[in-house]
Amino acid sequence: MGDLIYHWIDILWLPIGYFGVHKRHRWWSVGFIAGCMLMMRLQAELLIYGGFTNGIMGLLHSSVYSRGLVTYGIFYALFFIIAHYSPRTEGVIFMAACLSIFFMAFFTTAIVMIL
């Protein structure tokens, strides 16, 4: 049971993302979080399936999954701060910000997971 909670703890970000931003940005926020959740799992499974449960270099002793949870959690918080201070941003501009933060989170997490 604890393992199930550990692997799905980041689903708590979805209601925070829905209710924590302005009304016009709610679905962009949910899409951003869902995309990040999927990407984190794909990155972790790729490394775990390859036999690198502690990263390719093995410098850090934590699992790649827990590193992904922490790193993406930091980027979720950054995203919510940006979304809070941009209430009148148009949809296309907000989508571009979502994609930018998504790719920043992806590349940062890839580097952290490799360590």
Protein backbone atom coordinates (compact mmCIF):
# COMPACT_ATOMS: atom_id res chain seq x y z
CA MET A 1 0.00 0.00 0.00
CA GLY A 2 2.83 2.39 0.85
CA ASP A 3 4.49 1.69 -2.49
CA LEU A 4 1.26 2.56 -4.31
CA ILE A 5 1.02 5.87 -2.44
CA TYR A 6 4.69 6.62 -3.17
CA HIS A 7 4.22 6.09 -6.90
CA TRP A 8 1.08 8.24 -7.13
CA ILE A 9 1.76 10.98 -4.57
CA ASP A 10 2.24 13.57 -7.30
CA ILE A 11 -1.40 13.22 -8.35
CA LEU A 12 -2.14 15.61 -5.47
CA TRP A 13 -0.77 18.38 -7.68
CA LEU A 14 -3.77 18.08 -10.05
CA PRO A 15 -6.41 19.62 -7.73
CA ILE A 16 -3.85 22.17 -6.55
CA GLY A 17 -3.21 23.05 -10.18
CA TYR A 18 -6.91 23.31 -10.95
CA PHE A 19 -7.94 25.42 -7.99
CA GLY A 20 -4.65 27.25 -7.44
CA VAL A 21 -4.62 29.29 -10.64
CA HIS A 22 -6.98 31.79 -12.22
CA LYS A 23 -10.10 30.48 -13.94
CA ARG A 24 -8.92 31.09 -17.48
CA HIS A 25 -5.72 29.09 -16.90
CA ARG A 26 -7.14 26.07 -15.09
CA TRP A 27 -7.14 23.57 -17.95
CA TRP A 28 -3.70 24.67 -19.13
CA SER A 29 -2.45 24.04 -15.61
CA VAL A 30 -4.01 20.57 -15.42
CA GLY A 31 -2.55 19.72 -18.84
CA PHE A 32 0.87 20.93 -17.78
CA ILE A 33 0.82 18.83 -14.60
CA ALA A 34 -0.49 15.75 -16.40
CA GLY A 35 2.19 16.08 -19.07
CA CYS A 36 4.91 16.46 -16.47
CA MET A 37 3.61 13.46 -14.52
CA LEU A 38 3.68 11.32 -17.65
CA MET A 39 7.14 12.52 -18.67
CA MET A 40 8.60 11.91 -15.21
CA ARG A 41 7.32 8.35 -15.23
CA LEU A 42 8.69 7.76 -18.73
CA GLN A 43 12.10 9.09 -17.76
CA ALA A 44 12.24 7.02 -14.57
CA GLU A 45 11.04 3.83 -16.26
CA LEU A 46 13.60 4.25 -19.03
CA LEU A 47 16.45 4.39 -16.53
CA ILE A 48 15.05 1.66 -14.27
CA TYR A 49 14.44 -0.65 -17.24
CA GLY A 50 18.03 -0.07 -18.33
CA GLY A 51 19.26 -1.18 -14.91
CA PHE A 52 20.16 2.25 -13.56
CA THR A 53 17.93 2.55 -10.49
CA ASN A 54 20.29 5.13 -8.92
CA GLY A 55 21.18 6.96 -12.12
CA ILE A 56 23.78 6.27 -14.77
CA MET A 57 26.66 7.86 -12.88
CA GLY A 58 25.54 6.68 -9.43
CA LEU A 59 26.68 9.85 -7.68
CA LEU A 60 23.47 10.20 -5.67
CA HIS A 61 22.13 7.35 -3.57
CA SER A 62 18.42 8.11 -3.95
CA SER A 63 16.31 6.44 -6.62
CA VAL A 64 15.69 8.15 -9.93
CA TYR A 65 11.95 8.18 -9.22
CA SER A 66 12.32 10.13 -5.99
CA ARG A 67 14.68 12.58 -7.68
CA GLY A 68 12.08 13.08 -10.39
CA LEU A 69 9.36 13.71 -7.84
CA VAL A 70 11.41 16.38 -6.09
CA THR A 71 12.60 18.07 -9.26
CA TYR A 72 9.21 18.19 -10.91
CA GLY A 73 7.71 19.38 -7.60
CA ILE A 74 10.04 22.36 -7.67
CA PHE A 75 8.97 23.16 -11.22
CA TYR A 76 5.29 22.82 -10.28
CA ALA A 77 5.83 25.41 -7.57
CA LEU A 78 7.64 27.68 -10.05
CA PHE A 79 4.77 27.26 -12.49
CA PHE A 80 2.18 28.20 -9.85
CA ILE A 81 4.12 31.30 -8.88
CA ILE A 82 4.29 32.39 -12.52
CA ALA A 83 0.60 31.57 -13.08
CA HIS A 84 -0.42 33.52 -9.99
CA TYR A 85 1.33 36.69 -11.13
CA SER A 86 -0.06 36.56 -14.68
CA PRO A 87 -3.85 36.67 -14.32
CA ARG A 88 -4.59 38.52 -17.57
CA THR A 89 -2.25 36.58 -19.84
CA GLU A 90 -3.81 35.43 -23.10
CA GLY A 91 -4.18 31.74 -23.84
CA VAL A 92 -1.45 31.43 -26.46
CA ILE A 93 1.10 33.25 -24.32
CA PHE A 94 0.21 31.13 -21.29
CA MET A 95 0.51 27.98 -23.41
CA ALA A 96 3.99 29.08 -24.51
CA ALA A 97 4.95 29.60 -20.87
CA CYS A 98 3.62 26.12 -20.02
CA LEU A 99 5.69 24.57 -22.79
CA SER A 100 8.80 26.50 -21.78
CA ILE A 101 8.57 25.40 -18.16
CA PHE A 102 7.76 21.84 -19.27
CA PHE A 103 10.95 21.59 -21.32
CA MET A 104 13.01 23.24 -18.57
CA ALA A 105 11.67 20.65 -16.14
CA PHE A 106 12.31 17.82 -18.61
CA PHE A 107 15.94 18.69 -19.26
CA THR A 108 16.72 19.52 -15.63
CA THR A 109 15.19 16.27 -14.45
CA ALA A 110 17.06 14.31 -17.10
CA ILE A 111 20.35 15.71 -15.79
CA VAL A 112 19.38 15.09 -12.15
CA MET A 113 18.29 11.54 -12.92
CA ILE A 114 21.53 10.75 -14.73
CA LEU A 115 23.59 11.80 -11.71
